[in-house]
Amino acid sequence: MSRDLDTLPTEARYTRVASLADVEAASCEVIHVEGHTIALFSYGDKVYAVDNRCPHMGASRSTGEA
């Protein structure tokens, strides 16, 4: 069953995985959610979430290998 994200309420589109304070303090936080390993990076006043594996080399982005 496919769901169109635009039809879901806002709170159903996101999963809280870390506090902003934790990400800012670490500058990079690796989390595991719903079968995915995600790297959260704090840069300036923004937080970015990316797959923790480089698609080309398979290396960890959170450790700077990729």
C-alpha atoms as a PDB file:
ATOM      1  CA  MET A   1       0.000   0.000   0.000  1.00  0.00           C
ATOM      2  CA  SER A   2       1.499   3.303  -1.064  1.00  0.00           C
ATOM      3  CA  ARG A   3       0.718   6.506   0.837  1.00  0.00           C
ATOM      4  CA  ASP A   4       1.056   9.995  -0.537  1.00  0.00           C
ATOM      5  CA  LEU A   5       2.972  11.997   2.097  1.00  0.00           C
ATOM      6  CA  ASP A   6       1.092  15.149   1.150  1.00  0.00           C
ATOM      7  CA  THR A   7      -2.137  13.617   2.460  1.00  0.00           C
ATOM      8  CA  LEU A   8      -0.676  12.708   5.873  1.00  0.00           C
ATOM      9  CA  PRO A   9      -0.865  15.091   8.836  1.00  0.00           C
ATOM     10  CA  THR A  10       2.456  16.816   9.545  1.00  0.00           C
ATOM     11  CA  GLU A  11       3.139  14.814  12.716  1.00  0.00           C
ATOM     12  CA  ALA A  12       2.808  11.548  10.735  1.00  0.00           C
ATOM     13  CA  ARG A  13       5.541  12.573   8.250  1.00  0.00           C
ATOM     14  CA  TYR A  14       8.383  12.783  10.765  1.00  0.00           C
ATOM     15  CA  THR A  15       9.933  10.609  13.448  1.00  0.00           C
ATOM     16  CA  ARG A  16      11.676  12.350  16.363  1.00  0.00           C
ATOM     17  CA  VAL A  17      15.064  10.671  16.753  1.00  0.00           C
ATOM     18  CA  ALA A  18      17.226  13.082  18.778  1.00  0.00           C
ATOM     19  CA  SER A  19      17.066  16.340  20.638  1.00  0.00           C
ATOM     20  CA  LEU A  20      18.437  19.460  18.983  1.00  0.00           C
ATOM     21  CA  ALA A  21      20.731  20.000  21.983  1.00  0.00           C
ATOM     22  CA  ASP A  22      22.279  16.514  21.561  1.00  0.00           C
ATOM     23  CA  VAL A  23      22.953  17.037  17.850  1.00  0.00           C
ATOM     24  CA  GLU A  24      24.399  20.510  18.384  1.00  0.00           C
ATOM     25  CA  ALA A  25      26.651  19.276  21.204  1.00  0.00           C
ATOM     26  CA  ALA A  26      28.036  16.386  19.156  1.00  0.00           C
ATOM     27  CA  SER A  27      27.962  18.172  15.759  1.00  0.00           C
ATOM     28  CA  CYS A  28      27.232  14.690  14.312  1.00  0.00           C
ATOM     29  CA  GLU A  29      24.873  12.106  15.764  1.00  0.00           C
ATOM     30  CA  VAL A  30      24.291   8.676  14.200  1.00  0.00           C
ATOM     31  CA  ILE A  31      20.850   7.190  14.755  1.00  0.00           C
ATOM     32  CA  HIS A  32      19.077   4.024  13.659  1.00  0.00           C
ATOM     33  CA  VAL A  33      15.417   4.343  12.739  1.00  0.00           C
ATOM     34  CA  GLU A  34      13.043   2.109  10.812  1.00  0.00           C
ATOM     35  CA  GLY A  35      15.891   0.013   9.377  1.00  0.00           C
ATOM     36  CA  HIS A  36      17.989   3.004   8.295  1.00  0.00           C
ATOM     37  CA  THR A  37      21.243   4.403   9.691  1.00  0.00           C
ATOM     38  CA  ILE A  38      21.081   8.190   9.511  1.00  0.00           C
ATOM     39  CA  ALA A  39      23.791  10.756  10.258  1.00  0.00           C
ATOM     40  CA  LEU A  40      22.515  14.035  11.710  1.00  0.00           C
ATOM     41  CA  PHE A  41      24.918  16.936  11.231  1.00  0.00           C
ATOM     42  CA  SER A  42      24.693  20.302  12.938  1.00  0.00           C
ATOM     43  CA  TYR A  43      26.101  23.109  10.818  1.00  0.00           C
ATOM     44  CA  GLY A  44      25.500  26.707  11.783  1.00  0.00           C
ATOM     45  CA  ASP A  45      21.884  26.988  12.865  1.00  0.00           C
ATOM     46  CA  LYS A  46      20.665  24.041  10.764  1.00  0.00           C
ATOM     47  CA  VAL A  47      20.566  20.255  11.149  1.00  0.00           C
ATOM     48  CA  TYR A  48      20.944  17.977   8.130  1.00  0.00           C
ATOM     49  CA  ALA A  49      19.944  14.307   7.965  1.00  0.00           C
ATOM     50  CA  VAL A  50      21.640  12.018   5.425  1.00  0.00           C
ATOM     51  CA  ASP A  51      22.057   8.298   4.883  1.00  0.00           C
ATOM     52  CA  ASN A  52      25.202   7.381   6.812  1.00  0.00           C
ATOM     53  CA  ARG A  53      26.594   5.288   3.929  1.00  0.00           C
ATOM     54  CA  CYS A  54      28.230   6.809   0.875  1.00  0.00           C
ATOM     55  CA  PRO A  55      26.419   5.344  -2.174  1.00  0.00           C
ATOM     56  CA  HIS A  56      29.674   5.125  -4.144  1.00  0.00           C
ATOM     57  CA  MET A  57      32.097   3.652  -1.614  1.00  0.00           C
ATOM     58  CA  GLY A  58      29.837   2.332   1.167  1.00  0.00           C
ATOM     59  CA  ALA A  59      31.956   4.215   3.711  1.00  0.00           C
ATOM     60  CA  SER A  60      30.560   5.929   6.791  1.00  0.00           C
ATOM     61  CA  ARG A  61      29.779   9.612   6.276  1.00  0.00           C
ATOM     62  CA  SER A  62      29.663  10.301  10.007  1.00  0.00           C
ATOM     63  CA  THR A  63      33.346   9.438  10.469  1.00  0.00           C
ATOM     64  CA  GLY A  64      34.496  11.408   7.435  1.00  0.00           C
ATOM     65  CA  GLU A  65      35.558   8.312   5.500  1.00  0.00           C
ATOM     66  CA  ALA A  66      33.458   9.371   2.521  1.00  0.00           C
END
